[in-house]
Amino acid sequence: MDRDTGPIIDMQPDGSFTPPPPKAGLGTVIVRLAIVGVILVIGISLLWAALVSAAVMVLGGLALYGFWRFKQSPLMRWFRGNRSLTR
């Protein structure tokens, strides 16, 4: 396993060192957190909508299937006027 040999010193050709990059200010941190929060809210909303719509479609399909089966049942024929419950 490679071991870290220590910090890398960035020296310019004239012998001076490059300054470390400045730290992000408080405003930058807040904007970045807001962007991440908006992305999370959008993603969670899309996931929630997909799950809810899938559940609605499954329940609607089951209800339509049950209604279709009920329309074909002898009881429905009896309601329509054919008073015989036998096929």
C-alpha atoms as a PDB file:
ATOM      1  CA  MET A   1       0.000   0.000   0.000  1.00  0.00           C
ATOM      2  CA  ASP A   2       1.374   3.411  -0.918  1.00  0.00           C
ATOM      3  CA  ARG A   3       2.171   5.722   1.931  1.00  0.00           C
ATOM      4  CA  ASP A   4       1.716   9.440   1.790  1.00  0.00           C
ATOM      5  CA  THR A   5       5.101  11.106   1.626  1.00  0.00           C
ATOM      6  CA  GLY A   6       3.848  14.338   3.120  1.00  0.00           C
ATOM      7  CA  PRO A   7       2.508  17.596   1.804  1.00  0.00           C
ATOM      8  CA  ILE A   8       3.282  18.744  -1.706  1.00  0.00           C
ATOM      9  CA  ILE A   9       4.969  22.132  -1.723  1.00  0.00           C
ATOM     10  CA  ASP A  10       4.087  24.209  -4.768  1.00  0.00           C
ATOM     11  CA  MET A  11       7.122  26.369  -5.440  1.00  0.00           C
ATOM     12  CA  GLN A  12       7.261  28.896  -8.244  1.00  0.00           C
ATOM     13  CA  PRO A  13      10.352  29.089 -10.497  1.00  0.00           C
ATOM     14  CA  ASP A  14      11.450  32.293  -8.718  1.00  0.00           C
ATOM     15  CA  GLY A  15      11.492  30.460  -5.346  1.00  0.00           C
ATOM     16  CA  SER A  16       8.236  31.823  -3.954  1.00  0.00           C
ATOM     17  CA  PHE A  17       5.435  29.533  -2.859  1.00  0.00           C
ATOM     18  CA  THR A  18       1.909  29.626  -4.235  1.00  0.00           C
ATOM     19  CA  PRO A  19      -0.593  30.870  -1.692  1.00  0.00           C
ATOM     20  CA  PRO A  20      -3.175  28.370  -0.495  1.00  0.00           C
ATOM     21  CA  PRO A  21      -6.585  28.731  -2.103  1.00  0.00           C
ATOM     22  CA  PRO A  22      -8.906  31.027  -0.162  1.00  0.00           C
ATOM     23  CA  LYS A  23     -11.589  29.431   1.965  1.00  0.00           C
ATOM     24  CA  ALA A  24     -15.164  29.772   0.801  1.00  0.00           C
ATOM     25  CA  GLY A  25     -17.071  32.588   2.451  1.00  0.00           C
ATOM     26  CA  LEU A  26     -20.254  32.179   4.459  1.00  0.00           C
ATOM     27  CA  GLY A  27     -22.396  33.414   1.560  1.00  0.00           C
ATOM     28  CA  THR A  28     -20.901  30.814  -0.774  1.00  0.00           C
ATOM     29  CA  VAL A  29     -21.542  28.039   1.732  1.00  0.00           C
ATOM     30  CA  ILE A  30     -25.158  29.147   2.207  1.00  0.00           C
ATOM     31  CA  VAL A  31     -25.757  29.300  -1.567  1.00  0.00           C
ATOM     32  CA  ARG A  32     -24.266  25.838  -2.039  1.00  0.00           C
ATOM     33  CA  LEU A  33     -26.431  24.414   0.765  1.00  0.00           C
ATOM     34  CA  ALA A  34     -29.514  26.070  -0.757  1.00  0.00           C
ATOM     35  CA  ILE A  35     -28.762  24.545  -4.165  1.00  0.00           C
ATOM     36  CA  VAL A  36     -28.290  21.084  -2.641  1.00  0.00           C
ATOM     37  CA  GLY A  37     -31.521  21.529  -0.667  1.00  0.00           C
ATOM     38  CA  VAL A  38     -33.496  22.517  -3.766  1.00  0.00           C
ATOM     39  CA  ILE A  39     -32.122  19.525  -5.680  1.00  0.00           C
ATOM     40  CA  LEU A  40     -33.063  17.191  -2.809  1.00  0.00           C
ATOM     41  CA  VAL A  41     -36.589  18.640  -2.579  1.00  0.00           C
ATOM     42  CA  ILE A  42     -37.111  18.216  -6.328  1.00  0.00           C
ATOM     43  CA  GLY A  43     -35.795  14.650  -6.264  1.00  0.00           C
ATOM     44  CA  ILE A  44     -37.888  13.659  -3.267  1.00  0.00           C
ATOM     45  CA  SER A  45     -40.981  15.255  -4.832  1.00  0.00           C
ATOM     46  CA  LEU A  46     -40.476  13.338  -8.081  1.00  0.00           C
ATOM     47  CA  LEU A  47     -39.995  10.069  -6.196  1.00  0.00           C
ATOM     48  CA  TRP A  48     -43.103  10.702  -4.094  1.00  0.00           C
ATOM     49  CA  ALA A  49     -45.152  11.538  -7.193  1.00  0.00           C
ATOM     50  CA  ALA A  50     -43.966   8.376  -8.946  1.00  0.00           C
ATOM     51  CA  LEU A  51     -44.837   6.173  -5.981  1.00  0.00           C
ATOM     52  CA  VAL A  52     -48.240   7.783  -5.452  1.00  0.00           C
ATOM     53  CA  SER A  53     -49.148   7.619  -9.140  1.00  0.00           C
ATOM     54  CA  ALA A  54     -48.066   3.963  -9.314  1.00  0.00           C
ATOM     55  CA  ALA A  55     -50.286   3.163  -6.333  1.00  0.00           C
ATOM     56  CA  VAL A  56     -53.225   5.054  -7.869  1.00  0.00           C
ATOM     57  CA  MET A  57     -52.790   3.213 -11.178  1.00  0.00           C
ATOM     58  CA  VAL A  58     -52.650  -0.201  -9.473  1.00  0.00           C
ATOM     59  CA  LEU A  59     -55.720   0.515  -7.338  1.00  0.00           C
ATOM     60  CA  GLY A  60     -57.578   1.941 -10.343  1.00  0.00           C
ATOM     61  CA  GLY A  61     -56.715  -1.129 -12.390  1.00  0.00           C
ATOM     62  CA  LEU A  62     -57.941  -3.422  -9.637  1.00  0.00           C
ATOM     63  CA  ALA A  63     -61.169  -1.425  -9.331  1.00  0.00           C
ATOM     64  CA  LEU A  64     -61.776  -1.541 -13.094  1.00  0.00           C
ATOM     65  CA  TYR A  65     -61.042  -5.261 -13.170  1.00  0.00           C
ATOM     66  CA  GLY A  66     -63.465  -5.830 -10.307  1.00  0.00           C
ATOM     67  CA  PHE A  67     -66.133  -3.746 -12.044  1.00  0.00           C
ATOM     68  CA  TRP A  68     -65.617  -5.676 -15.288  1.00  0.00           C
ATOM     69  CA  ARG A  69     -65.900  -8.999 -13.461  1.00  0.00           C
ATOM     70  CA  PHE A  70     -69.006  -7.771 -11.656  1.00  0.00           C
ATOM     71  CA  LYS A  71     -70.592  -6.778 -14.985  1.00  0.00           C
ATOM     72  CA  GLN A  72     -70.099 -10.344 -16.195  1.00  0.00           C
ATOM     73  CA  SER A  73     -71.361 -11.942 -12.993  1.00  0.00           C
ATOM     74  CA  PRO A  74     -74.735 -13.669 -12.724  1.00  0.00           C
ATOM     75  CA  LEU A  75     -75.730 -11.146 -10.056  1.00  0.00           C
ATOM     76  CA  MET A  76     -75.336  -8.263 -12.530  1.00  0.00           C
ATOM     77  CA  ARG A  77     -77.410 -10.113 -15.111  1.00  0.00           C
ATOM     78  CA  TRP A  78     -80.045 -10.568 -12.415  1.00  0.00           C
ATOM     79  CA  PHE A  79     -80.040  -6.809 -11.753  1.00  0.00           C
ATOM     80  CA  ARG A  80     -80.493  -6.104 -15.480  1.00  0.00           C
ATOM     81  CA  GLY A  81     -83.732  -8.051 -15.606  1.00  0.00           C
ATOM     82  CA  ASN A  82     -82.795 -11.647 -16.223  1.00  0.00           C
ATOM     83  CA  ARG A  83     -84.058 -12.944 -12.885  1.00  0.00           C
ATOM     84  CA  SER A  84     -82.365 -16.325 -13.252  1.00  0.00           C
ATOM     85  CA  LEU A  85     -79.116 -16.519 -11.271  1.00  0.00           C
ATOM     86  CA  THR A  86     -77.981 -19.599 -13.110  1.00  0.00           C
ATOM     87  CA  ARG A  87     -75.937 -19.450 -16.294  1.00  0.00           C
END
